[in-house]
Amino acid sequence: MSERSALIVGAGDAIGSAILKRFSRAGYNTVGVRRNPEKIANVISELQKEGHKA
């Protein structure tokens, strides 16, 4: 089985968060980055609670 990964730069704002969620929910291992980690923490936490790798 091959794993798919996605790097989302600028995640944490509306569009970046939507892209991060979409890839995670589609089965990708996701990495979201931004300069202000507080803005992305809630999105990552939400995805991890759903059982996704983020």
C-alpha atoms as a PDB file:
ATOM      1  CA  MET A   1       0.000   0.000   0.000  1.00  0.00           C
ATOM      2  CA  SER A   2       1.383   3.418  -0.867  1.00  0.00           C
ATOM      3  CA  GLU A   3       0.731   6.363   1.367  1.00  0.00           C
ATOM      4  CA  ARG A   4      -0.030   9.769  -0.042  1.00  0.00           C
ATOM      5  CA  SER A   5       1.143  12.988   1.576  1.00  0.00           C
ATOM      6  CA  ALA A   6       0.312  16.648   1.091  1.00  0.00           C
ATOM      7  CA  LEU A   7       2.065  19.796   2.313  1.00  0.00           C
ATOM      8  CA  ILE A   8      -0.257  22.789   2.701  1.00  0.00           C
ATOM      9  CA  VAL A   9       1.514  26.122   3.120  1.00  0.00           C
ATOM     10  CA  GLY A  10      -0.585  28.890   4.674  1.00  0.00           C
ATOM     11  CA  ALA A  11      -2.978  26.497   6.388  1.00  0.00           C
ATOM     12  CA  GLY A  12      -4.987  27.964   9.246  1.00  0.00           C
ATOM     13  CA  ASP A  13      -6.912  30.628   7.351  1.00  0.00           C
ATOM     14  CA  ALA A  14     -10.195  29.900   5.598  1.00  0.00           C
ATOM     15  CA  ILE A  15      -8.885  28.580   2.279  1.00  0.00           C
ATOM     16  CA  GLY A  16      -5.789  26.888   3.690  1.00  0.00           C
ATOM     17  CA  SER A  17      -7.814  25.136   6.392  1.00  0.00           C
ATOM     18  CA  ALA A  18     -10.362  23.934   3.846  1.00  0.00           C
ATOM     19  CA  ILE A  19      -7.595  22.496   1.657  1.00  0.00           C
ATOM     20  CA  LEU A  20      -5.948  20.821   4.656  1.00  0.00           C
ATOM     21  CA  LYS A  21      -9.250  19.262   5.752  1.00  0.00           C
ATOM     22  CA  ARG A  22     -10.061  18.092   2.232  1.00  0.00           C
ATOM     23  CA  PHE A  23      -6.752  16.306   1.757  1.00  0.00           C
ATOM     24  CA  SER A  24      -6.852  14.784   5.260  1.00  0.00           C
ATOM     25  CA  ARG A  25     -10.376  13.495   4.809  1.00  0.00           C
ATOM     26  CA  ALA A  26      -9.407  12.068   1.408  1.00  0.00           C
ATOM     27  CA  GLY A  27      -6.831   9.843   3.114  1.00  0.00           C
ATOM     28  CA  TYR A  28      -3.651  11.867   2.733  1.00  0.00           C
ATOM     29  CA  ASN A  29      -1.084  12.298   5.498  1.00  0.00           C
ATOM     30  CA  THR A  30      -1.103  16.068   5.747  1.00  0.00           C
ATOM     31  CA  VAL A  31       1.368  18.646   6.953  1.00  0.00           C
ATOM     32  CA  GLY A  32       0.042  22.155   7.423  1.00  0.00           C
ATOM     33  CA  VAL A  33       2.462  25.019   7.965  1.00  0.00           C
ATOM     34  CA  ARG A  34       2.229  28.709   8.731  1.00  0.00           C
ATOM     35  CA  ARG A  35       4.213  31.284  10.648  1.00  0.00           C
ATOM     36  CA  ASN A  36       1.670  31.588  13.471  1.00  0.00           C
ATOM     37  CA  PRO A  37       1.103  28.076  14.884  1.00  0.00           C
ATOM     38  CA  GLU A  38      -1.808  29.171  17.085  1.00  0.00           C
ATOM     39  CA  LYS A  39      -3.968  29.720  14.005  1.00  0.00           C
ATOM     40  CA  ILE A  40      -3.490  26.173  12.765  1.00  0.00           C
ATOM     41  CA  ALA A  41      -3.649  24.315  16.095  1.00  0.00           C
ATOM     42  CA  ASN A  42      -7.460  24.066  16.144  1.00  0.00           C
ATOM     43  CA  VAL A  43      -7.623  22.629  12.632  1.00  0.00           C
ATOM     44  CA  ILE A  44      -4.937  20.033  13.371  1.00  0.00           C
ATOM     45  CA  SER A  45      -6.634  19.073  16.635  1.00  0.00           C
ATOM     46  CA  GLU A  46     -10.000  18.665  14.878  1.00  0.00           C
ATOM     47  CA  LEU A  47      -8.517  16.404  12.214  1.00  0.00           C
ATOM     48  CA  GLN A  48      -6.624  14.287  14.736  1.00  0.00           C
ATOM     49  CA  LYS A  49      -9.803  13.783  16.788  1.00  0.00           C
ATOM     50  CA  GLU A  50     -11.433  12.461  13.600  1.00  0.00           C
ATOM     51  CA  GLY A  51      -8.575   9.954  13.314  1.00  0.00           C
ATOM     52  CA  HIS A  52      -6.668  11.594  10.465  1.00  0.00           C
ATOM     53  CA  LYS A  53      -2.903  11.989  10.287  1.00  0.00           C
ATOM     54  CA  ALA A  54      -2.230  15.699  10.368  1.00  0.00           C
END
